[in-house]
Amino acid sequence: MNDLEDFRSALRQPPSEPFAEPDLTRIMADGARIRRRRRVLTTTGGLAAAAVVVLVVVFAVQWRQPASAPVAQPPAPPSAASSVPPPTTDTEPPPEPLGDVVGTGISTPAGEIVIFAKAVDEPQILPGIHFGLVAGFRKGGNLEPVLATNEFRGSDRSFGFHATDGGEVLRDQVIPVFGYFAGAATKITTTVHGKTVEAKLANWTEDPSVVIFWFATTDVPDSASLTPLIAYDKNGNRLTK
């Protein structure tokens, strides 16, 4: 018997111990945490994220339970189709700014790229998270959010960097790398291709100890080019390792 046949034979053997039933509650809660950490604000994106979680749950159940024989079902009455609700779409309203909207000075055909904080109210699954950030466009009096991000564990105001995101194309425009730092930072830098670049900063008006930052898209073209972020205090001392 060759190696391939040995491998096939091993696959046919039943497991020595049955798999435990999946904890569907935990799986769905973890999926919710992941979806809430980062969300592209489009209907398609929201539905796609939900579909991924459903597929994970379905495959987990199929993997752990033996296949059962199909059971014939009686045909549905003609009126049953009318009782099935139509598919729903993601109609969640756009997030309201929490504090001032921060203009980045980056102009695009869609408007100036802006960043603002939004409230997060999910005490059951995100007990220590009360706000996140949103990047979007401001043109005239209109505000169009496109990307929301927030922490998914611990506290949203624990010392250090939080909710760093961006560096990609949304609505045909490059969204800069952005995030926030909880602490008395007056300077934030990173290194891109051996060159040190400095972020733009703005204190959050709802809590000045939180510093919103972003990088010019010409300096940091995407998040993959970043090295670890470094924060400094007003005396030039490093706040982070």
Protein backbone atom coordinates (compact mmCIF):
# COMPACT_ATOMS: atom_id res chain seq x y z
CA MET A 1 0.00 0.00 0.00
CA ASN A 2 1.42 3.37 -1.00
CA ASP A 3 1.23 6.68 0.88
CA LEU A 4 -1.81 7.87 -1.05
CA GLU A 5 -3.75 4.72 -0.22
CA ASP A 6 -2.72 5.04 3.45
CA PHE A 7 -4.03 8.60 3.46
CA ARG A 8 -7.35 7.59 1.87
CA SER A 9 -7.74 4.74 4.36
CA ALA A 10 -7.15 7.13 7.27
CA LEU A 11 -9.82 9.48 5.97
CA ARG A 12 -12.38 6.66 5.94
CA GLN A 13 -11.80 5.81 9.62
CA PRO A 14 -14.40 7.23 12.06
CA PRO A 15 -13.03 9.55 14.76
CA SER A 16 -12.08 7.87 18.05
CA GLU A 17 -14.26 10.37 19.94
CA PRO A 18 -17.36 12.17 18.63
CA PHE A 19 -17.06 15.91 18.11
CA ALA A 20 -18.84 18.06 20.65
CA GLU A 21 -21.94 19.91 19.54
CA PRO A 22 -21.05 23.40 18.26
CA ASP A 23 -21.73 26.32 20.58
CA LEU A 24 -23.95 28.22 18.14
CA THR A 25 -24.54 31.08 20.58
CA ARG A 26 -20.81 31.70 20.90
CA ILE A 27 -20.25 31.38 17.15
CA MET A 28 -22.92 33.96 16.39
CA ALA A 29 -21.63 36.30 19.12
CA ASP A 30 -18.07 36.07 17.76
CA GLY A 31 -19.41 36.77 14.28
CA ALA A 32 -21.20 39.86 15.59
CA ARG A 33 -17.99 41.11 17.19
CA ILE A 34 -16.08 40.73 13.94
CA ARG A 35 -18.79 42.48 11.91
CA ARG A 36 -18.95 45.34 14.37
CA ARG A 37 -15.23 45.95 14.44
CA ARG A 38 -15.09 47.01 10.79
CA ARG A 39 -17.93 47.70 8.42
CA VAL A 40 -18.02 49.10 4.93
CA LEU A 41 -21.20 51.13 4.96
CA THR A 42 -23.02 49.56 2.03
CA THR A 43 -25.97 47.16 1.93
CA THR A 44 -23.97 44.58 -0.01
CA GLY A 45 -21.13 44.61 2.52
CA GLY A 46 -23.50 44.11 5.45
CA LEU A 47 -25.31 41.23 3.79
CA ALA A 48 -22.07 39.56 2.75
CA ALA A 49 -20.75 39.67 6.32
CA ALA A 50 -23.93 38.07 7.62
CA ALA A 51 -23.76 35.37 4.96
CA VAL A 52 -20.25 34.40 6.03
CA VAL A 53 -21.40 33.77 9.60
CA VAL A 54 -24.33 31.66 8.41
CA LEU A 55 -22.03 29.53 6.26
CA VAL A 56 -19.67 28.97 9.19
CA VAL A 57 -22.54 27.76 11.36
CA VAL A 58 -23.97 25.48 8.65
CA PHE A 59 -20.66 23.83 7.86
CA ALA A 60 -19.85 23.41 11.55
CA VAL A 61 -23.08 21.47 12.07
CA GLN A 62 -22.58 19.33 8.96
CA TRP A 63 -19.00 18.47 9.92
CA ARG A 64 -19.93 17.25 13.39
CA GLN A 65 -23.16 15.39 12.71
CA PRO A 66 -23.55 12.21 10.59
CA ALA A 67 -25.65 12.58 7.47
CA SER A 68 -29.24 11.43 7.90
CA ALA A 69 -31.50 9.89 5.31
CA PRO A 70 -33.66 12.41 3.47
CA VAL A 71 -37.25 12.61 4.65
CA ALA A 72 -39.99 13.28 2.12
CA GLN A 73 -41.94 16.44 2.85
CA PRO A 74 -45.57 16.98 1.82
CA PRO A 75 -46.09 19.68 -0.82
CA ALA A 76 -46.90 23.14 0.54
CA PRO A 77 -50.42 24.44 0.00
CA PRO A 78 -50.80 27.05 -2.75
CA SER A 79 -51.37 29.83 -0.23
CA ALA A 80 -48.11 29.13 1.66
CA ALA A 81 -46.00 31.16 -0.76
CA SER A 82 -47.88 34.33 0.11
CA SER A 83 -46.97 33.89 3.79
CA VAL A 84 -43.20 33.95 3.16
CA PRO A 85 -41.83 37.44 3.92
CA PRO A 86 -39.82 39.14 1.18
CA PRO A 87 -36.03 39.39 1.58
CA THR A 88 -34.97 42.24 3.80
CA THR A 89 -32.22 44.73 3.09
CA ASP A 90 -29.88 46.59 5.40
CA THR A 91 -31.74 49.83 6.10
CA GLU A 92 -29.69 50.94 9.10
CA PRO A 93 -29.52 54.75 9.14
CA PRO A 94 -26.11 56.38 8.75
CA PRO A 95 -24.30 56.96 12.05
CA GLU A 96 -24.66 60.33 13.73
CA PRO A 97 -21.42 62.19 14.52
CA LEU A 98 -20.45 62.10 18.19
CA GLY A 99 -18.60 65.38 18.62
CA ASP A 100 -17.14 67.45 15.81
CA VAL A 101 -16.53 66.12 12.32
CA VAL A 102 -12.79 66.30 11.56
CA GLY A 103 -11.81 67.50 8.10
CA THR A 104 -8.65 65.88 6.76
CA GLY A 105 -8.02 68.46 4.04
CA ILE A 106 -7.94 65.63 1.48
CA SER A 107 -10.13 66.64 -1.46
CA THR A 108 -11.69 64.11 -3.83
CA PRO A 109 -14.43 64.29 -6.49
CA ALA A 110 -16.77 62.81 -3.86
CA GLY A 111 -15.93 65.61 -1.42
CA GLU A 112 -13.46 66.20 1.40
CA ILE A 113 -12.54 63.07 3.31
CA VAL A 114 -13.63 63.46 6.93
CA ILE A 115 -13.42 61.40 10.10
CA PHE A 116 -15.80 61.44 13.03
CA ALA A 117 -16.71 59.40 16.08
CA LYS A 118 -19.94 57.43 16.39
CA ALA A 119 -21.66 55.90 19.38
CA VAL A 120 -21.49 52.13 19.89
CA ASP A 121 -24.24 50.70 22.08
CA GLU A 122 -23.88 46.92 22.29
CA PRO A 123 -23.51 46.21 26.03
CA GLN A 124 -24.16 42.48 25.67
CA ILE A 125 -21.33 41.74 23.27
CA LEU A 126 -19.15 44.88 23.48
CA PRO A 127 -19.46 45.99 27.12
CA GLY A 128 -16.32 48.12 27.15
CA ILE A 129 -16.84 49.75 23.75
CA HIS A 130 -18.87 52.96 23.58
CA PHE A 131 -17.61 54.65 20.43
CA GLY A 132 -15.81 54.01 17.17
CA LEU A 133 -14.66 55.99 14.14
CA VAL A 134 -16.22 56.59 10.74
CA ALA A 135 -14.50 57.82 7.58
CA GLY A 136 -16.52 59.39 4.82
CA PHE A 137 -17.00 62.30 2.45
CA ARG A 138 -18.36 65.80 3.07
CA LYS A 139 -19.60 67.77 0.11
CA GLY A 140 -21.61 70.92 0.65
CA GLY A 141 -23.90 70.16 3.55
CA ASN A 142 -24.00 66.41 2.86
CA LEU A 143 -22.09 63.83 4.88
CA GLU A 144 -21.58 60.38 3.33
CA PRO A 145 -20.04 57.77 5.66
CA VAL A 146 -18.27 54.86 3.94
CA LEU A 147 -16.22 52.97 6.55
CA ALA A 148 -16.90 52.37 10.26
CA THR A 149 -14.42 50.76 12.64
CA ASN A 150 -14.21 50.18 16.38
CA GLU A 151 -12.53 47.98 18.95
CA PHE A 152 -14.03 44.53 19.59
CA ARG A 153 -12.53 43.64 22.96
CA GLY A 154 -11.42 45.34 26.15
CA SER A 155 -11.93 49.07 26.63
CA ASP A 156 -12.15 51.67 23.88
CA ARG A 157 -10.16 54.11 26.05
CA SER A 158 -7.37 51.81 27.21
CA PHE A 159 -3.96 53.37 26.60
CA GLY A 160 -2.65 52.95 23.07
CA PHE A 161 -3.73 52.76 19.45
CA HIS A 162 -7.23 51.70 18.49
CA ALA A 163 -9.43 51.03 15.44
CA THR A 164 -6.71 51.62 12.84
CA ASP A 165 -8.14 51.10 9.36
CA GLY A 166 -8.29 52.52 5.83
CA GLY A 167 -5.67 52.45 3.13
CA GLU A 168 -8.02 51.14 0.44
CA VAL A 169 -10.30 52.30 -2.35
CA LEU A 170 -13.97 52.87 -1.48
CA ARG A 171 -16.44 54.76 -3.67
CA ASP A 172 -13.58 54.97 -6.20
CA GLN A 173 -11.52 57.06 -3.76
CA VAL A 174 -8.55 56.14 -1.58
CA ILE A 175 -9.49 56.27 2.10
CA PRO A 176 -6.44 57.25 4.17
CA VAL A 177 -5.11 55.10 6.99
CA PHE A 178 -6.72 56.43 10.18
CA GLY A 179 -7.45 55.54 13.78
CA TYR A 180 -7.20 56.97 17.25
CA PHE A 181 -4.81 56.98 20.18
CA ALA A 182 -5.98 57.01 23.80
CA GLY A 183 -3.39 59.04 25.65
CA ALA A 184 -1.53 62.35 25.61
CA ALA A 185 0.02 61.98 22.16
CA THR A 186 1.17 65.09 20.29
CA LYS A 187 2.98 63.26 17.50
CA ILE A 188 2.36 59.93 15.75
CA THR A 189 4.67 58.43 13.14
CA THR A 190 5.20 55.31 11.09
CA THR A 191 7.82 54.18 8.59
CA VAL A 192 7.00 53.46 4.95
CA HIS A 193 9.71 51.96 2.75
CA GLY A 194 12.38 53.20 5.15
CA LYS A 195 11.01 56.75 5.37
CA THR A 196 9.50 58.14 8.58
CA VAL A 197 6.18 59.86 7.99
CA GLU A 198 4.07 61.83 10.46
CA ALA A 199 0.31 61.64 10.89
CA LYS A 200 -2.10 64.55 11.10
CA LEU A 201 -3.78 64.82 14.51
CA ALA A 202 -7.00 66.19 15.98
CA ASN A 203 -8.24 65.86 19.55
CA TRP A 204 -11.72 64.42 19.85
CA THR A 205 -14.04 67.15 21.08
CA GLU A 206 -16.02 64.72 23.26
CA ASP A 207 -12.85 63.59 25.07
CA PRO A 208 -9.63 65.53 24.36
CA SER A 209 -7.55 62.66 25.79
CA VAL A 210 -8.46 60.74 22.62
CA VAL A 211 -6.42 61.77 19.56
CA ILE A 212 -7.76 61.03 16.08
CA PHE A 213 -5.01 60.57 13.48
CA TRP A 214 -4.68 59.98 9.75
CA PHE A 215 -1.93 59.83 7.16
CA ALA A 216 -1.77 61.55 3.79
CA THR A 217 -2.48 59.02 1.07
CA THR A 218 0.70 60.13 -0.74
CA ASP A 219 2.76 59.20 2.34
CA VAL A 220 0.97 55.97 3.25
CA PRO A 221 -0.65 54.46 0.13
CA ASP A 222 -2.05 51.43 1.95
CA SER A 223 -2.12 49.78 5.37
CA ALA A 224 0.19 46.96 4.25
CA SER A 225 3.09 49.41 3.92
CA LEU A 226 2.89 50.53 7.55
CA THR A 227 5.39 49.61 10.22
CA PRO A 228 4.26 49.74 13.87
CA LEU A 229 2.88 53.13 14.84
CA ILE A 230 4.78 55.22 17.39
CA ALA A 231 3.28 57.92 19.64
CA TYR A 232 5.22 60.74 21.33
CA ASP A 233 4.32 63.15 24.10
CA LYS A 234 4.77 66.95 24.01
CA ASN A 235 8.39 66.59 25.18
CA GLY A 236 9.26 64.24 22.36
CA ASN A 237 9.35 61.15 24.56
CA ARG A 238 8.02 57.90 23.17
CA LEU A 239 4.73 56.79 24.66
CA THR A 240 4.76 53.43 22.90
CA LYS A 241 7.50 50.85 22.38
